[in-house]
Amino acid sequence: MAPPKPPRALISRHINAARQSGQSGFVRQTYRLERMEARKKAREWFEQFPKAAYWTQVESWRVLEGDVIEFTMRRLPSAD
């Protein structure tokens, strides 16, 4: 009987299958918020979707006029 595969192997398999089908498999949301509100929103994501389980990350960000931050959060749709 083979030992169970670690979660990372399962996630890697899921990502590879998604890449082959042309879908990334990630959930993305883009925000434009003032700097302090942007920090709060990013913290909410990391609290609701822990990085270790959902691979949550700030995918990209930039500073706009008036100290407004535009950023995209990315995570897996579920923690398997």
C-alpha atoms as a PDB file:
ATOM      1  CA  MET A   1       0.000   0.000   0.000  1.00  0.00           C
ATOM      2  CA  ALA A   2       1.466   3.336  -1.074  1.00  0.00           C
ATOM      3  CA  PRO A   3       1.782   6.107   1.503  1.00  0.00           C
ATOM      4  CA  PRO A   4      -0.540   9.103   1.026  1.00  0.00           C
ATOM      5  CA  LYS A   5       0.818  11.912  -1.134  1.00  0.00           C
ATOM      6  CA  PRO A   6       1.636  15.169   0.640  1.00  0.00           C
ATOM      7  CA  PRO A   7      -0.630  18.154  -0.045  1.00  0.00           C
ATOM      8  CA  ARG A   8       2.036  19.888  -2.145  1.00  0.00           C
ATOM      9  CA  ALA A   9       2.004  16.981  -4.612  1.00  0.00           C
ATOM     10  CA  LEU A  10      -1.763  17.238  -4.914  1.00  0.00           C
ATOM     11  CA  ILE A  11      -1.596  20.967  -5.526  1.00  0.00           C
ATOM     12  CA  SER A  12       1.168  20.523  -8.098  1.00  0.00           C
ATOM     13  CA  ARG A  13      -0.937  17.940  -9.919  1.00  0.00           C
ATOM     14  CA  HIS A  14      -3.931  20.311  -9.878  1.00  0.00           C
ATOM     15  CA  ILE A  15      -1.837  23.198 -11.237  1.00  0.00           C
ATOM     16  CA  ASN A  16      -0.299  21.062 -13.985  1.00  0.00           C
ATOM     17  CA  ALA A  17      -3.742  19.849 -15.073  1.00  0.00           C
ATOM     18  CA  ALA A  18      -5.038  23.430 -15.120  1.00  0.00           C
ATOM     19  CA  ARG A  19      -2.088  24.606 -17.209  1.00  0.00           C
ATOM     20  CA  GLN A  20      -2.693  21.851 -19.757  1.00  0.00           C
ATOM     21  CA  SER A  21      -6.383  22.775 -20.021  1.00  0.00           C
ATOM     22  CA  GLY A  22      -5.540  26.474 -20.490  1.00  0.00           C
ATOM     23  CA  GLN A  23      -6.980  27.587 -17.150  1.00  0.00           C
ATOM     24  CA  SER A  24      -4.825  28.838 -14.304  1.00  0.00           C
ATOM     25  CA  GLY A  25      -7.098  27.522 -11.550  1.00  0.00           C
ATOM     26  CA  PHE A  26      -6.580  30.628  -9.410  1.00  0.00           C
ATOM     27  CA  VAL A  27      -9.201  33.045  -8.154  1.00  0.00           C
ATOM     28  CA  ARG A  28      -8.163  36.659  -8.727  1.00  0.00           C
ATOM     29  CA  GLN A  29      -9.620  39.940  -7.506  1.00  0.00           C
ATOM     30  CA  THR A  30      -8.320  43.414  -8.347  1.00  0.00           C
ATOM     31  CA  TYR A  31      -8.819  46.402  -6.038  1.00  0.00           C
ATOM     32  CA  ARG A  32      -8.124  50.153  -6.144  1.00  0.00           C
ATOM     33  CA  LEU A  33      -8.003  51.466  -2.589  1.00  0.00           C
ATOM     34  CA  GLU A  34      -6.234  54.101  -0.535  1.00  0.00           C
ATOM     35  CA  ARG A  35      -3.016  52.769   0.989  1.00  0.00           C
ATOM     36  CA  MET A  36      -4.376  51.957   4.472  1.00  0.00           C
ATOM     37  CA  GLU A  37      -7.545  50.364   3.079  1.00  0.00           C
ATOM     38  CA  ALA A  38      -5.429  48.328   0.643  1.00  0.00           C
ATOM     39  CA  ARG A  39      -3.379  46.958   3.538  1.00  0.00           C
ATOM     40  CA  LYS A  40      -6.550  46.045   5.416  1.00  0.00           C
ATOM     41  CA  LYS A  41      -8.002  44.265   2.388  1.00  0.00           C
ATOM     42  CA  ALA A  42      -4.817  42.258   1.810  1.00  0.00           C
ATOM     43  CA  ARG A  43      -4.768  41.242   5.504  1.00  0.00           C
ATOM     44  CA  GLU A  44      -8.409  40.122   5.205  1.00  0.00           C
ATOM     45  CA  TRP A  45      -7.468  37.846   2.310  1.00  0.00           C
ATOM     46  CA  PHE A  46      -4.535  36.320   4.201  1.00  0.00           C
ATOM     47  CA  GLU A  47      -6.703  35.771   7.289  1.00  0.00           C
ATOM     48  CA  GLN A  48      -9.634  34.282   5.371  1.00  0.00           C
ATOM     49  CA  PHE A  49      -7.476  32.258   2.949  1.00  0.00           C
ATOM     50  CA  PRO A  50      -4.205  31.278   4.710  1.00  0.00           C
ATOM     51  CA  LYS A  51      -1.178  31.303   2.434  1.00  0.00           C
ATOM     52  CA  ALA A  52      -0.139  27.767   3.345  1.00  0.00           C
ATOM     53  CA  ALA A  53      -3.483  26.281   2.291  1.00  0.00           C
ATOM     54  CA  TYR A  54      -4.583  28.555  -0.576  1.00  0.00           C
ATOM     55  CA  TRP A  55      -1.252  29.869  -1.914  1.00  0.00           C
ATOM     56  CA  THR A  56      -2.631  33.357  -1.346  1.00  0.00           C
ATOM     57  CA  GLN A  57      -0.461  36.199  -2.586  1.00  0.00           C
ATOM     58  CA  VAL A  58      -0.454  39.744  -3.873  1.00  0.00           C
ATOM     59  CA  GLU A  59       0.043  38.977  -7.553  1.00  0.00           C
ATOM     60  CA  SER A  60       0.756  42.549  -8.672  1.00  0.00           C
ATOM     61  CA  TRP A  61       0.457  46.096  -7.402  1.00  0.00           C
ATOM     62  CA  ARG A  62       1.129  49.701  -8.384  1.00  0.00           C
ATOM     63  CA  VAL A  63       0.754  53.149  -6.861  1.00  0.00           C
ATOM     64  CA  LEU A  64      -1.678  55.520  -8.574  1.00  0.00           C
ATOM     65  CA  GLU A  65      -2.219  59.242  -8.058  1.00  0.00           C
ATOM     66  CA  GLY A  66      -3.400  60.300  -4.626  1.00  0.00           C
ATOM     67  CA  ASP A  67      -1.693  57.408  -2.819  1.00  0.00           C
ATOM     68  CA  VAL A  68      -4.202  54.925  -4.249  1.00  0.00           C
ATOM     69  CA  ILE A  69      -2.940  51.362  -4.612  1.00  0.00           C
ATOM     70  CA  GLU A  70      -4.169  49.090  -7.388  1.00  0.00           C
ATOM     71  CA  PHE A  71      -3.432  45.465  -6.582  1.00  0.00           C
ATOM     72  CA  THR A  72      -4.511  41.973  -7.553  1.00  0.00           C
ATOM     73  CA  MET A  73      -4.914  39.222  -4.969  1.00  0.00           C
ATOM     74  CA  ARG A  74      -4.620  35.580  -6.064  1.00  0.00           C
ATOM     75  CA  ARG A  75      -5.521  32.311  -4.339  1.00  0.00           C
ATOM     76  CA  LEU A  76      -6.532  28.747  -5.079  1.00  0.00           C
ATOM     77  CA  PRO A  77     -10.315  28.234  -5.112  1.00  0.00           C
ATOM     78  CA  SER A  78     -10.162  25.690  -2.284  1.00  0.00           C
ATOM     79  CA  ALA A  79      -7.747  24.086   0.136  1.00  0.00           C
ATOM     80  CA  ASP A  80      -7.594  20.373  -0.680  1.00  0.00           C
END
